[in-house]
Amino acid sequence: MHYFNFLFLTIVLVVTQGCVPVVGAGVAAGALLSSDRRTAGIILEDENIENKALKQISAQYRDTVHVNVTSFNRRVLVTGQVPNEKIKADIEQIVSSLTNVKAINNELQVSSSLADLSWRSNDSMITGNIKMRFISSGKGFEPEHVKIITENSTVYLMGLVYHKEAESATEIASSSRGVERVVKVFEYLD
């Protein structure tokens, strides 16, 4: 009898082993959704806005621009470098023409050169450092409520937050190593 229990348990484990990562990913996604103040539909819409904007920008400008599009609660932040004011305005028009965009913050910089890999790596390190400081701060806010975008050592903070959370996040970001400027692109709940 013990042999059959062991055999049954082994078969169950082998058959369901492939499901563990799927279940784990589902649990992780559920945990993120539960802490995000946006609805699942808005999260999906934000992803659609980002993907559509980047696809249209890439189709029109290819490698002549470096553009990042971040949407949070249908408020869009556009960062990066472009060669002139006309292209900057054109990209804003592309984004504003998309369905469901509520507002645009066009933070594109006009520059004759695009950010190179070393700048992008530095920006990634700044973002990672700020995220770690958010987690360990004990400042009374959920780090998942604030989205951090770093472009050329300028940190942009987005999210649906209360003023106190925004103040704490801004204080942490502005005192982080390598940060030259912090721009708040928050939507306030109070």
C-alpha atoms as a PDB file:
ATOM      1  CA  MET A   1       0.000   0.000   0.000  1.00  0.00           C
ATOM      2  CA  HIS A   2       2.832   2.410   0.836  1.00  0.00           C
ATOM      3  CA  TYR A   3       4.362   1.641  -2.539  1.00  0.00           C
ATOM      4  CA  PHE A   4       1.175   2.726  -4.349  1.00  0.00           C
ATOM      5  CA  ASN A   5       0.927   5.933  -2.270  1.00  0.00           C
ATOM      6  CA  PHE A   6       4.564   6.692  -3.098  1.00  0.00           C
ATOM      7  CA  LEU A   7       3.995   5.917  -6.801  1.00  0.00           C
ATOM      8  CA  PHE A   8       0.850   8.060  -6.897  1.00  0.00           C
ATOM      9  CA  LEU A   9       2.600  10.960  -5.169  1.00  0.00           C
ATOM     10  CA  THR A  10       5.555  10.679  -7.560  1.00  0.00           C
ATOM     11  CA  ILE A  11       3.264  10.722 -10.603  1.00  0.00           C
ATOM     12  CA  VAL A  12       1.342  13.725  -9.245  1.00  0.00           C
ATOM     13  CA  LEU A  13       4.575  15.617  -8.630  1.00  0.00           C
ATOM     14  CA  VAL A  14       5.963  14.814 -12.083  1.00  0.00           C
ATOM     15  CA  VAL A  15       2.736  15.746 -13.854  1.00  0.00           C
ATOM     16  CA  THR A  16       2.201  18.972 -11.920  1.00  0.00           C
ATOM     17  CA  GLN A  17       5.845  20.011 -11.782  1.00  0.00           C
ATOM     18  CA  GLY A  18       5.451  22.050 -14.948  1.00  0.00           C
ATOM     19  CA  CYS A  19       2.521  23.858 -13.381  1.00  0.00           C
ATOM     20  CA  VAL A  20       4.492  25.204 -10.437  1.00  0.00           C
ATOM     21  CA  PRO A  21       6.105  28.073 -12.428  1.00  0.00           C
ATOM     22  CA  VAL A  22       2.742  28.947 -13.965  1.00  0.00           C
ATOM     23  CA  VAL A  23       1.013  28.967 -10.586  1.00  0.00           C
ATOM     24  CA  GLY A  24       3.939  30.909  -9.081  1.00  0.00           C
ATOM     25  CA  ALA A  25       3.783  33.503 -11.845  1.00  0.00           C
ATOM     26  CA  GLY A  26       0.027  33.795 -11.371  1.00  0.00           C
ATOM     27  CA  VAL A  27       0.422  34.322  -7.644  1.00  0.00           C
ATOM     28  CA  ALA A  28       3.140  36.941  -8.229  1.00  0.00           C
ATOM     29  CA  ALA A  29       0.994  38.762 -10.795  1.00  0.00           C
ATOM     30  CA  GLY A  30      -1.966  38.630  -8.419  1.00  0.00           C
ATOM     31  CA  ALA A  31       0.150  40.094  -5.620  1.00  0.00           C
ATOM     32  CA  LEU A  32       1.293  42.937  -7.878  1.00  0.00           C
ATOM     33  CA  LEU A  33      -2.253  43.619  -9.033  1.00  0.00           C
ATOM     34  CA  SER A  34      -3.511  43.677  -5.461  1.00  0.00           C
ATOM     35  CA  SER A  35      -0.964  46.356  -4.476  1.00  0.00           C
ATOM     36  CA  ASP A  36      -1.399  48.441  -7.638  1.00  0.00           C
ATOM     37  CA  ARG A  37      -3.976  51.184  -7.263  1.00  0.00           C
ATOM     38  CA  ARG A  38      -4.931  50.946 -10.920  1.00  0.00           C
ATOM     39  CA  THR A  39      -7.554  48.491 -12.099  1.00  0.00           C
ATOM     40  CA  ALA A  40      -6.482  45.506 -14.190  1.00  0.00           C
ATOM     41  CA  GLY A  41      -8.145  47.144 -17.190  1.00  0.00           C
ATOM     42  CA  ILE A  42      -6.167  50.370 -16.750  1.00  0.00           C
ATOM     43  CA  ILE A  43      -2.924  48.436 -16.340  1.00  0.00           C
ATOM     44  CA  LEU A  44      -3.635  46.679 -19.632  1.00  0.00           C
ATOM     45  CA  GLU A  45      -4.565  49.982 -21.278  1.00  0.00           C
ATOM     46  CA  ASP A  46      -1.301  51.542 -20.058  1.00  0.00           C
ATOM     47  CA  GLU A  47       0.642  48.689 -21.670  1.00  0.00           C
ATOM     48  CA  ASN A  48      -1.322  49.126 -24.904  1.00  0.00           C
ATOM     49  CA  ILE A  49      -0.614  52.868 -24.973  1.00  0.00           C
ATOM     50  CA  GLU A  50       3.121  52.268 -24.464  1.00  0.00           C
ATOM     51  CA  ASN A  51       3.302  49.547 -27.124  1.00  0.00           C
ATOM     52  CA  LYS A  52       1.293  51.468 -29.731  1.00  0.00           C
ATOM     53  CA  ALA A  53       3.243  54.673 -29.192  1.00  0.00           C
ATOM     54  CA  LEU A  54       6.630  52.976 -29.408  1.00  0.00           C
ATOM     55  CA  LYS A  55       5.596  51.038 -32.515  1.00  0.00           C
ATOM     56  CA  GLN A  56       4.454  54.202 -34.314  1.00  0.00           C
ATOM     57  CA  ILE A  57       7.494  56.214 -33.222  1.00  0.00           C
ATOM     58  CA  SER A  58       9.849  53.441 -34.301  1.00  0.00           C
ATOM     59  CA  ALA A  59       8.127  53.061 -37.664  1.00  0.00           C
ATOM     60  CA  GLN A  60       8.478  56.764 -38.390  1.00  0.00           C
ATOM     61  CA  TYR A  61      11.883  57.607 -36.895  1.00  0.00           C
ATOM     62  CA  ARG A  62      13.775  54.287 -36.674  1.00  0.00           C
ATOM     63  CA  ASP A  63      17.247  54.856 -35.169  1.00  0.00           C
ATOM     64  CA  THR A  64      17.253  58.668 -35.379  1.00  0.00           C
ATOM     65  CA  VAL A  65      15.683  59.078 -31.909  1.00  0.00           C
ATOM     66  CA  HIS A  66      15.952  57.550 -28.451  1.00  0.00           C
ATOM     67  CA  VAL A  67      12.443  57.612 -26.965  1.00  0.00           C
ATOM     68  CA  ASN A  68      10.869  55.952 -23.932  1.00  0.00           C
ATOM     69  CA  VAL A  69       7.116  55.997 -23.398  1.00  0.00           C
ATOM     70  CA  THR A  70       5.711  55.282 -19.949  1.00  0.00           C
ATOM     71  CA  SER A  71       1.994  55.269 -19.258  1.00  0.00           C
ATOM     72  CA  PHE A  72       0.529  55.212 -15.752  1.00  0.00           C
ATOM     73  CA  ASN A  73      -3.225  55.551 -15.330  1.00  0.00           C
ATOM     74  CA  ARG A  74      -3.356  56.745 -18.958  1.00  0.00           C
ATOM     75  CA  ARG A  75      -1.017  59.669 -18.187  1.00  0.00           C
ATOM     76  CA  VAL A  76       1.937  59.377 -20.521  1.00  0.00           C
ATOM     77  CA  LEU A  77       5.526  60.403 -19.877  1.00  0.00           C
ATOM     78  CA  VAL A  78       7.751  60.684 -22.949  1.00  0.00           C
ATOM     79  CA  THR A  79      11.495  60.835 -22.291  1.00  0.00           C
ATOM     80  CA  GLY A  80      14.664  60.519 -24.336  1.00  0.00           C
ATOM     81  CA  GLN A  81      16.533  62.474 -26.980  1.00  0.00           C
ATOM     82  CA  VAL A  82      15.493  63.753 -30.388  1.00  0.00           C
ATOM     83  CA  PRO A  83      17.471  65.802 -32.936  1.00  0.00           C
ATOM     84  CA  ASN A  84      15.112  68.811 -33.164  1.00  0.00           C
ATOM     85  CA  GLU A  85      11.972  70.561 -31.881  1.00  0.00           C
ATOM     86  CA  LYS A  86       9.862  69.458 -34.850  1.00  0.00           C
ATOM     87  CA  ILE A  87      10.425  65.774 -34.108  1.00  0.00           C
ATOM     88  CA  LYS A  88       9.744  66.444 -30.420  1.00  0.00           C
ATOM     89  CA  ALA A  89       6.379  67.988 -31.345  1.00  0.00           C
ATOM     90  CA  ASP A  90       5.636  65.210 -33.868  1.00  0.00           C
ATOM     91  CA  ILE A  91       6.221  62.530 -31.227  1.00  0.00           C
ATOM     92  CA  GLU A  92       3.921  64.325 -28.810  1.00  0.00           C
ATOM     93  CA  GLN A  93       1.282  64.400 -31.567  1.00  0.00           C
ATOM     94  CA  ILE A  94       1.710  60.652 -32.181  1.00  0.00           C
ATOM     95  CA  VAL A  95       1.139  59.937 -28.491  1.00  0.00           C
ATOM     96  CA  SER A  96      -1.765  62.357 -28.103  1.00  0.00           C
ATOM     97  CA  SER A  97      -3.555  60.782 -31.069  1.00  0.00           C
ATOM     98  CA  LEU A  98      -3.742  57.419 -29.304  1.00  0.00           C
ATOM     99  CA  THR A  99      -7.038  56.318 -27.821  1.00  0.00           C
ATOM    100  CA  ASN A 100      -7.512  56.746 -24.051  1.00  0.00           C
ATOM    101  CA  VAL A 101      -4.512  59.024 -23.388  1.00  0.00           C
ATOM    102  CA  LYS A 102      -5.556  61.461 -20.623  1.00  0.00           C
ATOM    103  CA  ALA A 103      -2.437  63.632 -20.437  1.00  0.00           C
ATOM    104  CA  ILE A 104       1.102  63.860 -21.798  1.00  0.00           C
ATOM    105  CA  ASN A 105       4.302  65.045 -20.158  1.00  0.00           C
ATOM    106  CA  ASN A 106       6.730  65.567 -23.023  1.00  0.00           C
ATOM    107  CA  GLU A 107      10.177  65.543 -21.420  1.00  0.00           C
ATOM    108  CA  LEU A 108      12.096  64.815 -24.629  1.00  0.00           C
ATOM    109  CA  GLN A 109      15.432  66.597 -24.824  1.00  0.00           C
ATOM    110  CA  VAL A 110      16.633  68.098 -28.081  1.00  0.00           C
ATOM    111  CA  SER A 111      20.176  66.862 -28.545  1.00  0.00           C
ATOM    112  CA  SER A 112      22.544  66.256 -31.421  1.00  0.00           C
ATOM    113  CA  SER A 113      23.593  62.929 -29.890  1.00  0.00           C
ATOM    114  CA  LEU A 114      21.572  60.068 -28.473  1.00  0.00           C
ATOM    115  CA  ALA A 115      22.249  58.610 -25.029  1.00  0.00           C
ATOM    116  CA  ASP A 116      24.860  55.912 -25.291  1.00  0.00           C
ATOM    117  CA  LEU A 117      24.991  52.588 -23.493  1.00  0.00           C
ATOM    118  CA  SER A 118      27.043  53.954 -20.581  1.00  0.00           C
ATOM    119  CA  TRP A 119      24.396  56.627 -19.860  1.00  0.00           C
ATOM    120  CA  ARG A 120      21.613  54.061 -20.038  1.00  0.00           C
ATOM    121  CA  SER A 121      23.529  51.735 -17.701  1.00  0.00           C
ATOM    122  CA  ASN A 122      24.046  54.606 -15.268  1.00  0.00           C
ATOM    123  CA  ASP A 123      20.325  55.410 -15.414  1.00  0.00           C
ATOM    124  CA  SER A 124      19.474  51.762 -14.702  1.00  0.00           C
ATOM    125  CA  MET A 125      21.777  51.776 -11.685  1.00  0.00           C
ATOM    126  CA  ILE A 126      20.156  54.955 -10.366  1.00  0.00           C
ATOM    127  CA  THR A 127      16.683  53.436 -10.760  1.00  0.00           C
ATOM    128  CA  GLY A 128      17.744  50.209  -9.020  1.00  0.00           C
ATOM    129  CA  ASN A 129      19.327  52.139  -6.164  1.00  0.00           C
ATOM    130  CA  ILE A 130      16.185  54.212  -5.626  1.00  0.00           C
ATOM    131  CA  LYS A 131      13.983  51.091  -5.670  1.00  0.00           C
ATOM    132  CA  MET A 132      16.171  49.469  -3.020  1.00  0.00           C
ATOM    133  CA  ARG A 133      16.037  52.629  -0.918  1.00  0.00           C
ATOM    134  CA  PHE A 134      12.232  52.702  -1.266  1.00  0.00           C
ATOM    135  CA  ILE A 135      12.007  49.120  -0.003  1.00  0.00           C
ATOM    136  CA  SER A 136      14.298  49.676   2.975  1.00  0.00           C
ATOM    137  CA  SER A 137      13.112  53.196   3.862  1.00  0.00           C
ATOM    138  CA  GLY A 138      10.296  52.391   6.273  1.00  0.00           C
ATOM    139  CA  LYS A 139       8.693  55.680   5.189  1.00  0.00           C
ATOM    140  CA  GLY A 140       5.159  54.297   5.303  1.00  0.00           C
ATOM    141  CA  PHE A 141       4.391  53.790   1.630  1.00  0.00           C
ATOM    142  CA  GLU A 142       4.340  50.822  -0.694  1.00  0.00           C
ATOM    143  CA  PRO A 143       7.243  51.034  -3.173  1.00  0.00           C
ATOM    144  CA  GLU A 144       4.977  49.512  -5.841  1.00  0.00           C
ATOM    145  CA  HIS A 145       2.832  52.655  -5.767  1.00  0.00           C
ATOM    146  CA  VAL A 146       5.645  54.722  -7.305  1.00  0.00           C
ATOM    147  CA  LYS A 147       7.046  54.075 -10.761  1.00  0.00           C
ATOM    148  CA  ILE A 148      10.611  55.282 -11.316  1.00  0.00           C
ATOM    149  CA  ILE A 149      11.938  56.289 -14.724  1.00  0.00           C
ATOM    150  CA  THR A 150      15.487  57.602 -15.036  1.00  0.00           C
ATOM    151  CA  GLU A 151      16.713  59.390 -18.146  1.00  0.00           C
ATOM    152  CA  ASN A 152      20.108  61.087 -18.306  1.00  0.00           C
ATOM    153  CA  SER A 153      20.338  61.233 -14.460  1.00  0.00           C
ATOM    154  CA  THR A 154      16.913  62.880 -14.182  1.00  0.00           C
ATOM    155  CA  VAL A 155      14.440  60.814 -12.170  1.00  0.00           C
ATOM    156  CA  TYR A 156      10.742  60.917 -13.022  1.00  0.00           C
ATOM    157  CA  LEU A 157       8.308  59.643 -10.390  1.00  0.00           C
ATOM    158  CA  MET A 158       4.837  58.494 -11.430  1.00  0.00           C
ATOM    159  CA  GLY A 159       1.962  56.889  -9.596  1.00  0.00           C
ATOM    160  CA  LEU A 160      -1.379  57.243  -7.869  1.00  0.00           C
ATOM    161  CA  VAL A 161      -0.233  58.486  -4.472  1.00  0.00           C
ATOM    162  CA  TYR A 162      -1.143  60.540  -1.454  1.00  0.00           C
ATOM    163  CA  HIS A 163       0.815  63.758  -0.923  1.00  0.00           C
ATOM    164  CA  LYS A 164       2.695  62.281   2.051  1.00  0.00           C
ATOM    165  CA  GLU A 165       3.805  59.303  -0.077  1.00  0.00           C
ATOM    166  CA  ALA A 166       4.912  61.663  -2.839  1.00  0.00           C
ATOM    167  CA  GLU A 167       6.982  63.703  -0.382  1.00  0.00           C
ATOM    168  CA  SER A 168       8.693  60.586   0.985  1.00  0.00           C
ATOM    169  CA  ALA A 169       9.406  59.182  -2.478  1.00  0.00           C
ATOM    170  CA  THR A 170      10.750  62.532  -3.693  1.00  0.00           C
ATOM    171  CA  GLU A 171      12.984  62.901  -0.647  1.00  0.00           C
ATOM    172  CA  ILE A 172      14.469  59.431  -1.153  1.00  0.00           C
ATOM    173  CA  ALA A 173      14.959  59.914  -4.894  1.00  0.00           C
ATOM    174  CA  SER A 174      16.491  63.381  -4.630  1.00  0.00           C
ATOM    175  CA  SER A 175      19.017  62.232  -2.014  1.00  0.00           C
ATOM    176  CA  SER A 176      20.083  59.197  -4.050  1.00  0.00           C
ATOM    177  CA  ARG A 177      23.553  58.982  -5.565  1.00  0.00           C
ATOM    178  CA  GLY A 178      23.844  60.184  -9.162  1.00  0.00           C
ATOM    179  CA  VAL A 179      20.470  61.969  -9.298  1.00  0.00           C
ATOM    180  CA  GLU A 180      20.693  65.435 -10.815  1.00  0.00           C
ATOM    181  CA  ARG A 181      16.997  66.306 -10.816  1.00  0.00           C
ATOM    182  CA  VAL A 182      13.652  64.808  -9.734  1.00  0.00           C
ATOM    183  CA  VAL A 183      10.447  65.475 -11.675  1.00  0.00           C
ATOM    184  CA  LYS A 184       7.122  64.544 -10.082  1.00  0.00           C
ATOM    185  CA  VAL A 185       4.504  63.263 -12.500  1.00  0.00           C
ATOM    186  CA  PHE A 186       2.147  62.023  -9.786  1.00  0.00           C
ATOM    187  CA  GLU A 187      -1.595  61.833  -9.762  1.00  0.00           C
ATOM    188  CA  TYR A 188      -2.754  62.614  -6.227  1.00  0.00           C
ATOM    189  CA  LEU A 189      -5.437  60.719  -4.338  1.00  0.00           C
ATOM    190  CA  ASP A 190      -5.965  63.407  -1.671  1.00  0.00           C
END
